[in-house]
Amino acid sequence: MNARKYRVKVNLSPLDIPPLKGLGEQKDFTQTEPPIIISGKLQLKITKKLLLIETYLNKEHEILSMQSIYEIPINEIKNRENIYECFKDATLGLSEAYNFVKNQVDLPKILFPIPPIENYQREIDGVFYLLNSLN
């Protein structure tokens, strides 16, 4: 399944890189809203965030955030991997947004590895719980 063709909307935050006191490390974070059914389609909202953690103060700064909204006809959802494709696409979307800004401004290269499907088990279970409740 090509998740990108089901992505209907993207909300992108402005880039915000604060000055740090000492060392920092980056991590990406995934947040989802409960899935819903609208007009025979599963609506899935996935927000990926790039965070900068200030090591000295143990303080998190949100650098960039991207919300991807997917609407997938429920009859096209065949297995767990179909939903996982949306999470992979959301990660790739955040990577593309960061790299676009990186080309405009002098920023460090950051890799956005695709987490394994097991990382999204709870979210995917929630989708299938919703779909099974329709029967």
Protein backbone atom coordinates (compact mmCIF):
# COMPACT_ATOMS: atom_id res chain seq x y z
CA MET A 1 0.00 0.00 0.00
CA ASN A 2 1.26 3.46 -0.89
CA ALA A 3 0.37 5.48 2.22
CA ARG A 4 1.32 8.78 0.57
CA LYS A 5 -1.69 8.58 -1.75
CA TYR A 6 -3.99 8.49 1.31
CA ARG A 7 -2.37 11.47 3.00
CA VAL A 8 -4.92 14.27 2.68
CA LYS A 9 -3.36 17.00 4.80
CA VAL A 10 -0.05 18.03 6.33
CA ASN A 11 0.44 20.54 9.13
CA LEU A 12 4.03 21.68 9.56
CA SER A 13 5.32 23.78 12.44
CA PRO A 14 7.95 26.45 11.91
CA LEU A 15 11.54 25.47 12.62
CA ASP A 16 12.63 26.51 16.12
CA ILE A 17 16.21 25.87 17.23
CA PRO A 18 16.96 27.38 20.65
CA PRO A 19 20.45 28.17 21.93
CA LEU A 20 21.79 25.42 24.17
CA LYS A 21 23.79 25.54 27.36
CA GLY A 22 26.14 22.62 26.88
CA LEU A 23 25.50 19.36 25.09
CA GLY A 24 22.29 18.31 23.43
CA GLU A 25 20.91 15.27 21.68
CA GLN A 26 18.10 14.84 19.22
CA LYS A 27 15.30 12.31 19.11
CA ASP A 28 12.09 11.94 17.19
CA PHE A 29 8.78 11.33 18.87
CA THR A 30 5.49 9.97 17.53
CA GLN A 31 2.07 11.01 18.76
CA THR A 32 -1.29 9.83 17.42
CA GLU A 33 -4.88 10.80 17.96
CA PRO A 34 -7.49 8.06 18.36
CA PRO A 35 -8.50 6.78 14.92
CA ILE A 36 -12.01 7.53 13.68
CA ILE A 37 -14.23 6.45 10.79
CA ILE A 38 -15.63 9.18 8.55
CA SER A 39 -17.75 8.31 5.49
CA GLY A 40 -16.34 4.79 5.21
CA LYS A 41 -12.74 5.90 5.62
CA LEU A 42 -10.34 5.46 8.50
CA GLN A 43 -8.92 8.81 9.54
CA LEU A 44 -5.49 8.51 11.11
CA LYS A 45 -3.62 11.54 12.49
CA ILE A 46 0.07 10.97 13.11
CA THR A 47 2.31 13.70 14.49
CA LYS A 48 6.07 13.27 14.27
CA LYS A 49 8.23 15.63 16.30
CA LEU A 50 11.93 16.32 16.20
CA LEU A 51 13.06 17.12 19.73
CA LEU A 52 16.32 18.54 21.01
CA ILE A 53 17.15 17.48 24.55
CA GLU A 54 19.39 19.85 26.45
CA THR A 55 21.52 17.41 28.42
CA TYR A 56 22.67 19.79 31.14
CA LEU A 57 19.18 21.00 32.05
CA ASN A 58 17.34 17.84 30.91
CA LYS A 59 14.98 20.11 29.00
CA GLU A 60 13.19 19.23 25.74
CA HIS A 61 12.78 21.68 22.88
CA GLU A 62 10.48 20.93 19.95
CA ILE A 63 12.45 21.84 16.84
CA LEU A 64 10.07 20.71 14.12
CA SER A 65 6.69 19.02 14.11
CA MET A 66 4.68 17.55 11.25
CA GLN A 67 1.16 16.18 11.47
CA SER A 68 0.10 13.88 8.64
CA ILE A 69 -3.59 13.11 8.23
CA TYR A 70 -4.51 9.97 6.32
CA GLU A 71 -7.93 8.88 5.08
CA ILE A 72 -7.95 5.24 4.00
CA PRO A 73 -11.06 3.44 2.70
CA ILE A 74 -11.72 0.73 5.27
CA ASN A 75 -12.15 -1.92 2.58
CA GLU A 76 -8.53 -1.31 1.49
CA ILE A 77 -7.08 -2.11 4.92
CA LYS A 78 -6.07 -5.74 4.67
CA ASN A 79 -3.41 -6.18 7.35
CA ARG A 80 -1.29 -4.50 10.02
CA GLU A 81 1.38 -3.59 7.50
CA ASN A 82 -1.11 -1.32 5.70
CA ILE A 83 -1.36 0.87 8.82
CA TYR A 84 2.38 0.62 9.46
CA GLU A 85 2.94 2.16 6.01
CA CYS A 86 1.31 5.36 7.30
CA PHE A 87 3.75 5.52 10.23
CA LYS A 88 6.68 4.98 7.87
CA ASP A 89 5.36 7.69 5.55
CA ALA A 90 4.97 10.12 8.47
CA THR A 91 8.62 9.53 9.42
CA LEU A 92 9.73 10.05 5.83
CA GLY A 93 7.64 13.23 5.68
CA LEU A 94 9.38 14.69 8.74
CA SER A 95 12.74 13.77 7.22
CA GLU A 96 11.81 15.46 3.93
CA ALA A 97 10.63 18.61 5.74
CA TYR A 98 13.83 18.80 7.81
CA ASN A 99 16.04 18.25 4.77
CA PHE A 100 14.18 20.96 2.85
CA VAL A 101 14.89 23.46 5.65
CA LYS A 102 18.45 22.13 6.02
CA ASN A 103 19.11 23.04 2.40
CA GLN A 104 17.98 26.63 3.12
CA VAL A 105 19.87 27.08 6.39
CA ASP A 106 23.12 25.62 7.68
CA LEU A 107 21.87 22.73 9.83
CA PRO A 108 23.48 19.42 10.77
CA LYS A 109 22.55 16.28 8.91
CA ILE A 110 20.06 14.20 10.87
CA LEU A 111 19.01 10.68 9.98
CA PHE A 112 15.44 9.59 10.62
CA PRO A 113 15.50 5.80 10.88
CA ILE A 114 12.21 4.00 10.31
CA PRO A 115 11.20 2.33 13.59
CA PRO A 116 10.08 -1.31 13.37
CA ILE A 117 6.39 -2.17 13.24
CA GLU A 118 6.56 -3.38 16.87
CA ASN A 119 7.01 0.23 18.02
CA TYR A 120 3.51 1.02 16.79
CA GLN A 121 1.75 -2.12 18.02
CA ARG A 122 -0.51 -0.23 20.45
CA GLU A 123 -1.59 2.28 17.80
CA ILE A 124 -2.16 -0.41 15.16
CA ASP A 125 -4.11 -2.52 17.68
CA GLY A 126 -6.32 0.53 18.29
CA VAL A 127 -7.08 0.79 14.57
CA PHE A 128 -8.05 -2.88 14.33
CA TYR A 129 -10.10 -2.67 17.52
CA LEU A 130 -12.06 0.17 15.89
CA LEU A 131 -12.46 -1.74 12.62
CA ASN A 132 -13.58 -4.92 14.42
CA SER A 133 -16.14 -2.94 16.40
CA LEU A 134 -17.88 -2.07 13.12
CA ASN A 135 -18.81 -5.73 12.54
